[in-house]
Amino acid sequence: MRDEAAAVYIMASGRNGTLYIGSTSNLPKRVWEHRNGVVDGFTKDYGCHHLVWYEVTGSRDAARQRELQMKQWKRAWKLREIEGFNPGWDDLYDHIALP
């Protein structure tokens, strides 16, 4: 990922399960932390260990803004976003495509 790039992402406990939305400047590292329960918090408590959606942005500010926007969305909108990008709800960790 370029120095100025960042990503907004969604972790899930499973298909149609609990969702977590976050943003980061180092997506592979942050997802690894969620998957391995390195940091206490929501994803560890609710078992959100599967990366089901992500979007690379041009800056940390843009990623954070998109994260905050998406956190206000209705659940149905989030599910539609995931299923448009990842219809099988596959764990995308091993397939992260960064510019």
PDB file of N, CA and C in Angstrom:
ATOM      1  N   MET A   1       0.862  -1.175   0.000  1.00  0.00           N
ATOM      2  CA  MET A   1       0.000   0.000   0.000  1.00  0.00           C
ATOM      3  C   MET A   1       0.905   1.234   0.000  1.00  0.00           C
ATOM      4  N   ARG A   2       0.611   2.197  -0.829  1.00  0.00           N
ATOM      5  CA  ARG A   2       1.397   3.429  -0.869  1.00  0.00           C
ATOM      6  C   ARG A   2       1.359   4.111   0.498  1.00  0.00           C
ATOM      7  N   ASP A   3       2.377   4.942   0.767  1.00  0.00           N
ATOM      8  CA  ASP A   3       2.452   5.632   2.050  1.00  0.00           C
ATOM      9  C   ASP A   3       1.196   6.438   2.342  1.00  0.00           C
ATOM     10  N   GLU A   4       0.653   7.121   1.334  1.00  0.00           N
ATOM     11  CA  GLU A   4      -0.504   7.979   1.566  1.00  0.00           C
ATOM     12  C   GLU A   4      -1.822   7.209   1.488  1.00  0.00           C
ATOM     13  N   ALA A   5      -1.790   5.979   0.975  1.00  0.00           N
ATOM     14  CA  ALA A   5      -3.013   5.195   0.822  1.00  0.00           C
ATOM     15  C   ALA A   5      -3.458   4.631   2.163  1.00  0.00           C
ATOM     16  N   ALA A   6      -4.726   4.342   2.244  1.00  0.00           N
ATOM     17  CA  ALA A   6      -5.306   3.700   3.416  1.00  0.00           C
ATOM     18  C   ALA A   6      -6.507   2.899   2.935  1.00  0.00           C
ATOM     19  N   ALA A   7      -7.132   2.187   3.837  1.00  0.00           N
ATOM     20  CA  ALA A   7      -8.281   1.373   3.454  1.00  0.00           C
ATOM     21  C   ALA A   7      -9.341   1.414   4.536  1.00  0.00           C
ATOM     22  N   VAL A   8     -10.574   1.266   4.106  1.00  0.00           N
ATOM     23  CA  VAL A   8     -11.695   1.037   5.001  1.00  0.00           C
ATOM     24  C   VAL A   8     -12.079  -0.424   4.765  1.00  0.00           C
ATOM     25  N   TYR A   9     -12.495  -1.120   5.809  1.00  0.00           N
ATOM     26  CA  TYR A   9     -12.714  -2.553   5.684  1.00  0.00           C
ATOM     27  C   TYR A   9     -13.860  -3.009   6.586  1.00  0.00           C
ATOM     28  N   ILE A  10     -14.394  -4.191   6.265  1.00  0.00           N
ATOM     29  CA  ILE A  10     -15.425  -4.802   7.094  1.00  0.00           C
ATOM     30  C   ILE A  10     -14.964  -6.205   7.483  1.00  0.00           C
ATOM     31  N   MET A  11     -14.982  -6.467   8.776  1.00  0.00           N
ATOM     32  CA  MET A  11     -14.727  -7.792   9.332  1.00  0.00           C
ATOM     33  C   MET A  11     -16.073  -8.371   9.737  1.00  0.00           C
ATOM     34  N   ALA A  12     -16.223  -9.691   9.627  1.00  0.00           N
ATOM     35  CA  ALA A  12     -17.477 -10.339  10.000  1.00  0.00           C
ATOM     36  C   ALA A  12     -17.196 -11.602  10.807  1.00  0.00           C
ATOM     37  N   SER A  13     -18.174 -11.972  11.629  1.00  0.00           N
ATOM     38  CA  SER A  13     -18.064 -13.214  12.388  1.00  0.00           C
ATOM     39  C   SER A  13     -18.434 -14.413  11.510  1.00  0.00           C
ATOM     40  N   GLY A  14     -19.092 -14.156  10.406  1.00  0.00           N
ATOM     41  CA  GLY A  14     -19.505 -15.194   9.468  1.00  0.00           C
ATOM     42  C   GLY A  14     -20.526 -14.588   8.521  1.00  0.00           C
ATOM     43  N   ARG A  15     -21.040 -15.394   7.619  1.00  0.00           N
ATOM     44  CA  ARG A  15     -22.028 -14.895   6.663  1.00  0.00           C
ATOM     45  C   ARG A  15     -23.240 -14.342   7.405  1.00  0.00           C
ATOM     46  N   ASN A  16     -23.593 -13.091   7.114  1.00  0.00           N
ATOM     47  CA  ASN A  16     -24.711 -12.400   7.760  1.00  0.00           C
ATOM     48  C   ASN A  16     -24.564 -12.304   9.275  1.00  0.00           C
ATOM     49  N   GLY A  17     -23.335 -12.404   9.756  1.00  0.00           N
ATOM     50  CA  GLY A  17     -23.085 -12.332  11.193  1.00  0.00           C
ATOM     51  C   GLY A  17     -22.813 -10.908  11.660  1.00  0.00           C
ATOM     52  N   THR A  18     -22.160 -10.809  12.789  1.00  0.00           N
ATOM     53  CA  THR A  18     -21.787  -9.524  13.359  1.00  0.00           C
ATOM     54  C   THR A  18     -20.752  -8.858  12.461  1.00  0.00           C
ATOM     55  N   LEU A  19     -20.906  -7.543  12.253  1.00  0.00           N
ATOM     56  CA  LEU A  19     -20.014  -6.787  11.381  1.00  0.00           C
ATOM     57  C   LEU A  19     -19.234  -5.747  12.166  1.00  0.00           C
ATOM     58  N   TYR A  20     -18.006  -5.497  11.713  1.00  0.00           N
ATOM     59  CA  TYR A  20     -17.168  -4.438  12.268  1.00  0.00           C
ATOM     60  C   TYR A  20     -16.590  -3.664  11.099  1.00  0.00           C
ATOM     61  N   ILE A  21     -16.683  -2.353  11.153  1.00  0.00           N
ATOM     62  CA  ILE A  21     -16.104  -1.491  10.121  1.00  0.00           C
ATOM     63  C   ILE A  21     -14.947  -0.714  10.733  1.00  0.00           C
ATOM     64  N   GLY A  22     -13.823  -0.687  10.030  1.00  0.00           N
ATOM     65  CA  GLY A  22     -12.663   0.056  10.500  1.00  0.00           C
ATOM     66  C   GLY A  22     -11.903   0.661   9.333  1.00  0.00           C
ATOM     67  N   SER A  23     -10.866   1.417   9.662  1.00  0.00           N
ATOM     68  CA  SER A  23      -9.978   1.968   8.640  1.00  0.00           C
ATOM     69  C   SER A  23      -8.548   1.879   9.153  1.00  0.00           C
ATOM     70  N   THR A  24      -7.611   1.819   8.217  1.00  0.00           N
ATOM     71  CA  THR A  24      -6.214   1.637   8.587  1.00  0.00           C
ATOM     72  C   THR A  24      -5.298   2.055   7.443  1.00  0.00           C
ATOM     73  N   SER A  25      -4.072   2.343   7.769  1.00  0.00           N
ATOM     74  CA  SER A  25      -3.071   2.619   6.744  1.00  0.00           C
ATOM     75  C   SER A  25      -2.250   1.364   6.422  1.00  0.00           C
ATOM     76  N   ASN A  26      -2.497   0.267   7.151  1.00  0.00           N
ATOM     77  CA  ASN A  26      -1.793  -0.991   6.898  1.00  0.00           C
ATOM     78  C   ASN A  26      -2.800  -2.138   7.016  1.00  0.00           C
ATOM     79  N   LEU A  27      -3.525  -2.393   5.946  1.00  0.00           N
ATOM     80  CA  LEU A  27      -4.614  -3.369   5.967  1.00  0.00           C
ATOM     81  C   LEU A  27      -4.155  -4.784   6.328  1.00  0.00           C
ATOM     82  N   PRO A  28      -3.115  -5.321   5.699  1.00  0.00           N
ATOM     83  CA  PRO A  28      -2.721  -6.696   6.064  1.00  0.00           C
ATOM     84  C   PRO A  28      -2.391  -6.842   7.553  1.00  0.00           C
ATOM     85  N   LYS A  29      -1.662  -5.883   8.093  1.00  0.00           N
ATOM     86  CA  LYS A  29      -1.297  -5.940   9.516  1.00  0.00           C
ATOM     87  C   LYS A  29      -2.528  -5.846  10.406  1.00  0.00           C
ATOM     88  N   ARG A  30      -3.413  -4.912  10.097  1.00  0.00           N
ATOM     89  CA  ARG A  30      -4.586  -4.700  10.950  1.00  0.00           C
ATOM     90  C   ARG A  30      -5.517  -5.904  10.915  1.00  0.00           C
ATOM     91  N   VAL A  31      -5.726  -6.483   9.730  1.00  0.00           N
ATOM     92  CA  VAL A  31      -6.582  -7.665   9.631  1.00  0.00           C
ATOM     93  C   VAL A  31      -5.952  -8.827  10.391  1.00  0.00           C
ATOM     94  N   TRP A  32      -4.638  -8.991  10.280  1.00  0.00           N
ATOM     95  CA  TRP A  32      -3.943 -10.035  11.029  1.00  0.00           C
ATOM     96  C   TRP A  32      -4.198  -9.862  12.525  1.00  0.00           C
ATOM     97  N   GLU A  33      -4.136  -8.623  13.010  1.00  0.00           N
ATOM     98  CA  GLU A  33      -4.391  -8.365  14.430  1.00  0.00           C
ATOM     99  C   GLU A  33      -5.807  -8.779  14.822  1.00  0.00           C
ATOM    100  N   HIS A  34      -6.794  -8.452  13.988  1.00  0.00           N
ATOM    101  CA  HIS A  34      -8.177  -8.861  14.274  1.00  0.00           C
ATOM    102  C   HIS A  34      -8.292 -10.381  14.274  1.00  0.00           C
ATOM    103  N   ARG A  35      -7.737 -11.023  13.271  1.00  0.00           N
ATOM    104  CA  ARG A  35      -7.853 -12.478  13.134  1.00  0.00           C
ATOM    105  C   ARG A  35      -7.223 -13.222  14.303  1.00  0.00           C
ATOM    106  N   ASN A  36      -6.176 -12.651  14.851  1.00  0.00           N
ATOM    107  CA  ASN A  36      -5.435 -13.327  15.914  1.00  0.00           C
ATOM    108  C   ASN A  36      -5.751 -12.805  17.311  1.00  0.00           C
ATOM    109  N   GLY A  37      -6.724 -11.926  17.428  1.00  0.00           N
ATOM    110  CA  GLY A  37      -7.146 -11.427  18.736  1.00  0.00           C
ATOM    111  C   GLY A  37      -6.053 -10.711  19.501  1.00  0.00           C
ATOM    112  N   VAL A  38      -5.169 -10.040  18.793  1.00  0.00           N
ATOM    113  CA  VAL A  38      -4.031  -9.365  19.407  1.00  0.00           C
ATOM    114  C   VAL A  38      -4.467  -8.188  20.278  1.00  0.00           C
ATOM    115  N   VAL A  39      -5.505  -7.480  19.833  1.00  0.00           N
ATOM    116  CA  VAL A  39      -5.976  -6.302  20.555  1.00  0.00           C
ATOM    117  C   VAL A  39      -7.368  -6.588  21.122  1.00  0.00           C
ATOM    118  N   ASP A  40      -7.539  -6.308  22.412  1.00  0.00           N
ATOM    119  CA  ASP A  40      -8.851  -6.465  23.026  1.00  0.00           C
ATOM    120  C   ASP A  40      -9.827  -5.475  22.408  1.00  0.00           C
ATOM    121  N   GLY A  41     -11.068  -5.886  22.286  1.00  0.00           N
ATOM    122  CA  GLY A  41     -12.080  -4.981  21.745  1.00  0.00           C
ATOM    123  C   GLY A  41     -13.193  -5.743  21.055  1.00  0.00           C
ATOM    124  N   PHE A  42     -13.947  -5.011  20.261  1.00  0.00           N
ATOM    125  CA  PHE A  42     -15.157  -5.517  19.627  1.00  0.00           C
ATOM    126  C   PHE A  42     -14.920  -6.773  18.794  1.00  0.00           C
ATOM    127  N   THR A  43     -13.920  -6.741  17.910  1.00  0.00           N
ATOM    128  CA  THR A  43     -13.723  -7.882  17.011  1.00  0.00           C
ATOM    129  C   THR A  43     -13.324  -9.134  17.779  1.00  0.00           C
ATOM    130  N   LYS A  44     -12.555  -8.967  18.829  1.00  0.00           N
ATOM    131  CA  LYS A  44     -12.177 -10.109  19.659  1.00  0.00           C
ATOM    132  C   LYS A  44     -13.391 -10.624  20.428  1.00  0.00           C
ATOM    133  N   ASP A  45     -14.166  -9.717  21.010  1.00  0.00           N
ATOM    134  CA  ASP A  45     -15.342 -10.098  21.802  1.00  0.00           C
ATOM    135  C   ASP A  45     -16.416 -10.795  20.970  1.00  0.00           C
ATOM    136  N   TYR A  46     -16.589 -10.358  19.713  1.00  0.00           N
ATOM    137  CA  TYR A  46     -17.674 -10.874  18.880  1.00  0.00           C
ATOM    138  C   TYR A  46     -17.210 -11.803  17.761  1.00  0.00           C
ATOM    139  N   GLY A  47     -15.938 -12.175  17.777  1.00  0.00           N
ATOM    140  CA  GLY A  47     -15.437 -13.150  16.815  1.00  0.00           C
ATOM    141  C   GLY A  47     -15.449 -12.690  15.365  1.00  0.00           C
ATOM    142  N   CYS A  48     -15.235 -11.402  15.152  1.00  0.00           N
ATOM    143  CA  CYS A  48     -15.188 -10.861  13.786  1.00  0.00           C
ATOM    144  C   CYS A  48     -13.773 -11.058  13.237  1.00  0.00           C
ATOM    145  N   HIS A  49     -13.534 -12.229  12.660  1.00  0.00           N
ATOM    146  CA  HIS A  49     -12.194 -12.591  12.215  1.00  0.00           C
ATOM    147  C   HIS A  49     -12.062 -12.742  10.709  1.00  0.00           C
ATOM    148  N   HIS A  50     -13.145 -12.502   9.959  1.00  0.00           N
ATOM    149  CA  HIS A  50     -13.122 -12.686   8.508  1.00  0.00           C
ATOM    150  C   HIS A  50     -13.201 -11.343   7.798  1.00  0.00           C
ATOM    151  N   LEU A  51     -12.201 -11.066   6.966  1.00  0.00           N
ATOM    152  CA  LEU A  51     -12.228  -9.862   6.129  1.00  0.00           C
ATOM    153  C   LEU A  51     -13.157 -10.147   4.954  1.00  0.00           C
ATOM    154  N   VAL A  52     -14.300  -9.449   4.903  1.00  0.00           N
ATOM    155  CA  VAL A  52     -15.282  -9.732   3.852  1.00  0.00           C
ATOM    156  C   VAL A  52     -15.421  -8.605   2.834  1.00  0.00           C
ATOM    157  N   TRP A  53     -14.857  -7.431   3.143  1.00  0.00           N
ATOM    158  CA  TRP A  53     -14.954  -6.300   2.222  1.00  0.00           C
ATOM    159  C   TRP A  53     -13.855  -5.297   2.562  1.00  0.00           C
ATOM    160  N   TYR A  54     -13.313  -4.644   1.526  1.00  0.00           N
ATOM    161  CA  TYR A  54     -12.398  -3.526   1.765  1.00  0.00           C
ATOM    162  C   TYR A  54     -12.374  -2.622   0.555  1.00  0.00           C
ATOM    163  N   GLU A  55     -11.942  -1.398   0.804  1.00  0.00           N
ATOM    164  CA  GLU A  55     -11.844  -0.392  -0.257  1.00  0.00           C
ATOM    165  C   GLU A  55     -10.610   0.452   0.024  1.00  0.00           C
ATOM    166  N   VAL A  56      -9.717   0.520  -0.927  1.00  0.00           N
ATOM    167  CA  VAL A  56      -8.507   1.327  -0.781  1.00  0.00           C
ATOM    168  C   VAL A  56      -8.836   2.765  -1.173  1.00  0.00           C
ATOM    169  N   THR A  57      -8.380   3.703  -0.358  1.00  0.00           N
ATOM    170  CA  THR A  57      -8.600   5.128  -0.611  1.00  0.00           C
ATOM    171  C   THR A  57      -7.258   5.815  -0.814  1.00  0.00           C
ATOM    172  N   GLY A  58      -7.298   7.075  -1.167  1.00  0.00           N
ATOM    173  CA  GLY A  58      -6.077   7.820  -1.435  1.00  0.00           C
ATOM    174  C   GLY A  58      -5.397   8.399  -0.199  1.00  0.00           C
ATOM    175  N   SER A  59      -6.099   8.384   0.937  1.00  0.00           N
ATOM    176  CA  SER A  59      -5.507   8.975   2.138  1.00  0.00           C
ATOM    177  C   SER A  59      -6.154   8.411   3.393  1.00  0.00           C
ATOM    178  N   ARG A  60      -5.479   8.597   4.507  1.00  0.00           N
ATOM    179  CA  ARG A  60      -6.035   8.177   5.799  1.00  0.00           C
ATOM    180  C   ARG A  60      -7.313   8.946   6.107  1.00  0.00           C
ATOM    181  N   ASP A  61      -7.325  10.225   5.783  1.00  0.00           N
ATOM    182  CA  ASP A  61      -8.522  11.033   6.031  1.00  0.00           C
ATOM    183  C   ASP A  61      -9.710  10.515   5.226  1.00  0.00           C
ATOM    184  N   ALA A  62      -9.487  10.169   3.974  1.00  0.00           N
ATOM    185  CA  ALA A  62     -10.566   9.653   3.134  1.00  0.00           C
ATOM    186  C   ALA A  62     -11.081   8.319   3.679  1.00  0.00           C
ATOM    187  N   ALA A  63     -10.171   7.465   4.125  1.00  0.00           N
ATOM    188  CA  ALA A  63     -10.586   6.169   4.687  1.00  0.00           C
ATOM    189  C   ALA A  63     -11.385   6.377   5.964  1.00  0.00           C
ATOM    190  N   ARG A  64     -10.930   7.263   6.813  1.00  0.00           N
ATOM    191  CA  ARG A  64     -11.636   7.523   8.069  1.00  0.00           C
ATOM    192  C   ARG A  64     -13.022   8.117   7.805  1.00  0.00           C
ATOM    193  N   GLN A  65     -13.106   9.032   6.848  1.00  0.00           N
ATOM    194  CA  GLN A  65     -14.386   9.634   6.496  1.00  0.00           C
ATOM    195  C   GLN A  65     -15.357   8.573   5.968  1.00  0.00           C
ATOM    196  N   ARG A  66     -14.860   7.686   5.116  1.00  0.00           N
ATOM    197  CA  ARG A  66     -15.695   6.609   4.568  1.00  0.00           C
ATOM    198  C   ARG A  66     -16.129   5.653   5.683  1.00  0.00           C
ATOM    199  N   GLU A  67     -15.229   5.345   6.601  1.00  0.00           N
ATOM    200  CA  GLU A  67     -15.564   4.489   7.746  1.00  0.00           C
ATOM    201  C   GLU A  67     -16.713   5.092   8.551  1.00  0.00           C
ATOM    202  N   LEU A  68     -16.593   6.357   8.903  1.00  0.00           N
ATOM    203  CA  LEU A  68     -17.629   7.016   9.699  1.00  0.00           C
ATOM    204  C   LEU A  68     -18.955   7.070   8.947  1.00  0.00           C
ATOM    205  N   GLN A  69     -18.882   7.301   7.636  1.00  0.00           N
ATOM    206  CA  GLN A  69     -20.087   7.315   6.812  1.00  0.00           C
ATOM    207  C   GLN A  69     -20.767   5.945   6.843  1.00  0.00           C
ATOM    208  N   MET A  70     -19.989   4.896   6.628  1.00  0.00           N
ATOM    209  CA  MET A  70     -20.551   3.549   6.565  1.00  0.00           C
ATOM    210  C   MET A  70     -21.100   3.091   7.912  1.00  0.00           C
ATOM    211  N   LYS A  71     -20.519   3.547   8.990  1.00  0.00           N
ATOM    212  CA  LYS A  71     -21.019   3.177  10.317  1.00  0.00           C
ATOM    213  C   LYS A  71     -22.416   3.734  10.565  1.00  0.00           C
ATOM    214  N   GLN A  72     -22.813   4.747   9.798  1.00  0.00           N
ATOM    215  CA  GLN A  72     -24.153   5.316   9.927  1.00  0.00           C
ATOM    216  C   GLN A  72     -25.175   4.592   9.046  1.00  0.00           C
ATOM    217  N   TRP A  73     -24.704   3.745   8.148  1.00  0.00           N
ATOM    218  CA  TRP A  73     -25.585   3.046   7.222  1.00  0.00           C
ATOM    219  C   TRP A  73     -26.464   2.034   7.938  1.00  0.00           C
ATOM    220  N   LYS A  74     -27.600   1.754   7.321  1.00  0.00           N
ATOM    221  CA  LYS A  74     -28.450   0.658   7.767  1.00  0.00           C
ATOM    222  C   LYS A  74     -27.730  -0.649   7.463  1.00  0.00           C
ATOM    223  N   ARG A  75     -28.022  -1.667   8.256  1.00  0.00           N
ATOM    224  CA  ARG A  75     -27.381  -2.971   8.066  1.00  0.00           C
ATOM    225  C   ARG A  75     -27.595  -3.489   6.639  1.00  0.00           C
ATOM    226  N   ALA A  76     -28.788  -3.330   6.103  1.00  0.00           N
ATOM    227  CA  ALA A  76     -29.080  -3.823   4.753  1.00  0.00           C
ATOM    228  C   ALA A  76     -28.142  -3.209   3.723  1.00  0.00           C
ATOM    229  N   TRP A  77     -27.781  -1.956   3.894  1.00  0.00           N
ATOM    230  CA  TRP A  77     -26.857  -1.294   2.962  1.00  0.00           C
ATOM    231  C   TRP A  77     -25.470  -1.917   3.064  1.00  0.00           C
ATOM    232  N   LYS A  78     -25.046  -2.215   4.286  1.00  0.00           N
ATOM    233  CA  LYS A  78     -23.732  -2.841   4.488  1.00  0.00           C
ATOM    234  C   LYS A  78     -23.702  -4.229   3.843  1.00  0.00           C
ATOM    235  N   LEU A  79     -24.774  -4.998   4.045  1.00  0.00           N
ATOM    236  CA  LEU A  79     -24.843  -6.337   3.454  1.00  0.00           C
ATOM    237  C   LEU A  79     -24.810  -6.261   1.932  1.00  0.00           C
ATOM    238  N   ARG A  80     -25.505  -5.303   1.364  1.00  0.00           N
ATOM    239  CA  ARG A  80     -25.513  -5.125  -0.095  1.00  0.00           C
ATOM    240  C   ARG A  80     -24.106  -4.779  -0.598  1.00  0.00           C
ATOM    241  N   GLU A  81     -23.392  -3.951   0.150  1.00  0.00           N
ATOM    242  CA  GLU A  81     -22.022  -3.580  -0.227  1.00  0.00           C
ATOM    243  C   GLU A  81     -21.111  -4.815  -0.204  1.00  0.00           C
ATOM    244  N   ILE A  82     -21.227  -5.613   0.850  1.00  0.00           N
ATOM    245  CA  ILE A  82     -20.414  -6.833   0.966  1.00  0.00           C
ATOM    246  C   ILE A  82     -20.739  -7.789  -0.181  1.00  0.00           C
ATOM    247  N   GLU A  83     -22.014  -8.054  -0.400  1.00  0.00           N
ATOM    248  CA  GLU A  83     -22.406  -9.051  -1.392  1.00  0.00           C
ATOM    249  C   GLU A  83     -22.125  -8.608  -2.825  1.00  0.00           C
ATOM    250  N   GLY A  84     -22.066  -7.296  -3.063  1.00  0.00           N
ATOM    251  CA  GLY A  84     -21.675  -6.815  -4.378  1.00  0.00           C
ATOM    252  C   GLY A  84     -20.194  -7.027  -4.653  1.00  0.00           C
ATOM    253  N   PHE A  85     -19.390  -6.993  -3.612  1.00  0.00           N
ATOM    254  CA  PHE A  85     -17.933  -7.132  -3.715  1.00  0.00           C
ATOM    255  C   PHE A  85     -17.493  -8.583  -3.521  1.00  0.00           C
ATOM    256  N   ASN A  86     -18.207  -9.291  -2.655  1.00  0.00           N
ATOM    257  CA  ASN A  86     -17.793 -10.623  -2.220  1.00  0.00           C
ATOM    258  C   ASN A  86     -19.039 -11.487  -1.978  1.00  0.00           C
ATOM    259  N   PRO A  87     -19.715 -11.933  -3.058  1.00  0.00           N
ATOM    260  CA  PRO A  87     -20.990 -12.641  -2.920  1.00  0.00           C
ATOM    261  C   PRO A  87     -20.933 -13.891  -2.043  1.00  0.00           C
ATOM    262  N   GLY A  88     -19.784 -14.551  -1.998  1.00  0.00           N
ATOM    263  CA  GLY A  88     -19.651 -15.771  -1.199  1.00  0.00           C
ATOM    264  C   GLY A  88     -19.227 -15.533   0.238  1.00  0.00           C
ATOM    265  N   TRP A  89     -19.051 -14.273   0.612  1.00  0.00           N
ATOM    266  CA  TRP A  89     -18.577 -13.917   1.954  1.00  0.00           C
ATOM    267  C   TRP A  89     -17.259 -14.638   2.270  1.00  0.00           C
ATOM    268  N   ASP A  90     -16.416 -14.788   1.268  1.00  0.00           N
ATOM    269  CA  ASP A  90     -15.125 -15.442   1.468  1.00  0.00           C
ATOM    270  C   ASP A  90     -14.238 -14.564   2.337  1.00  0.00           C
ATOM    271  N   ASP A  91     -13.333 -15.194   3.073  1.00  0.00           N
ATOM    272  CA  ASP A  91     -12.348 -14.431   3.829  1.00  0.00           C
ATOM    273  C   ASP A  91     -11.290 -13.968   2.843  1.00  0.00           C
ATOM    274  N   LEU A  92     -11.147 -12.670   2.697  1.00  0.00           N
ATOM    275  CA  LEU A  92     -10.284 -12.080   1.676  1.00  0.00           C
ATOM    276  C   LEU A  92      -8.854 -11.824   2.156  1.00  0.00           C
ATOM    277  N   TYR A  93      -8.525 -12.226   3.351  1.00  0.00           N
ATOM    278  CA  TYR A  93      -7.211 -11.917   3.925  1.00  0.00           C
ATOM    279  C   TYR A  93      -6.061 -12.322   2.999  1.00  0.00           C
ATOM    280  N   ASP A  94      -6.109 -13.509   2.442  1.00  0.00           N
ATOM    281  CA  ASP A  94      -5.014 -13.995   1.588  1.00  0.00           C
ATOM    282  C   ASP A  94      -5.055 -13.409   0.180  1.00  0.00           C
ATOM    283  N   HIS A  95      -6.074 -12.593  -0.094  1.00  0.00           N
ATOM    284  CA  HIS A  95      -6.256 -12.056  -1.442  1.00  0.00           C
ATOM    285  C   HIS A  95      -6.296 -10.537  -1.461  1.00  0.00           C
ATOM    286  N   ILE A  96      -5.773  -9.902  -0.420  1.00  0.00           N
ATOM    287  CA  ILE A  96      -5.785  -8.439  -0.356  1.00  0.00           C
ATOM    288  C   ILE A  96      -4.987  -7.906  -1.542  1.00  0.00           C
ATOM    289  N   ALA A  97      -5.651  -7.094  -2.357  1.00  0.00           N
ATOM    290  CA  ALA A  97      -5.008  -6.492  -3.528  1.00  0.00           C
ATOM    291  C   ALA A  97      -4.779  -5.011  -3.246  1.00  0.00           C
ATOM    292  N   LEU A  98      -3.560  -4.648  -3.050  1.00  0.00           N
ATOM    293  CA  LEU A  98      -3.216  -3.262  -2.728  1.00  0.00           C
ATOM    294  C   LEU A  98      -2.471  -2.632  -3.903  1.00  0.00           C
ATOM    295  N   PRO A  99      -2.683  -1.340  -4.112  1.00  0.00           N
ATOM    296  CA  PRO A  99      -1.959  -0.672  -5.202  1.00  0.00           C
ATOM    297  C   PRO A  99      -0.467  -0.573  -4.911  1.00  0.00           C
TER     298      PRO A  99
END
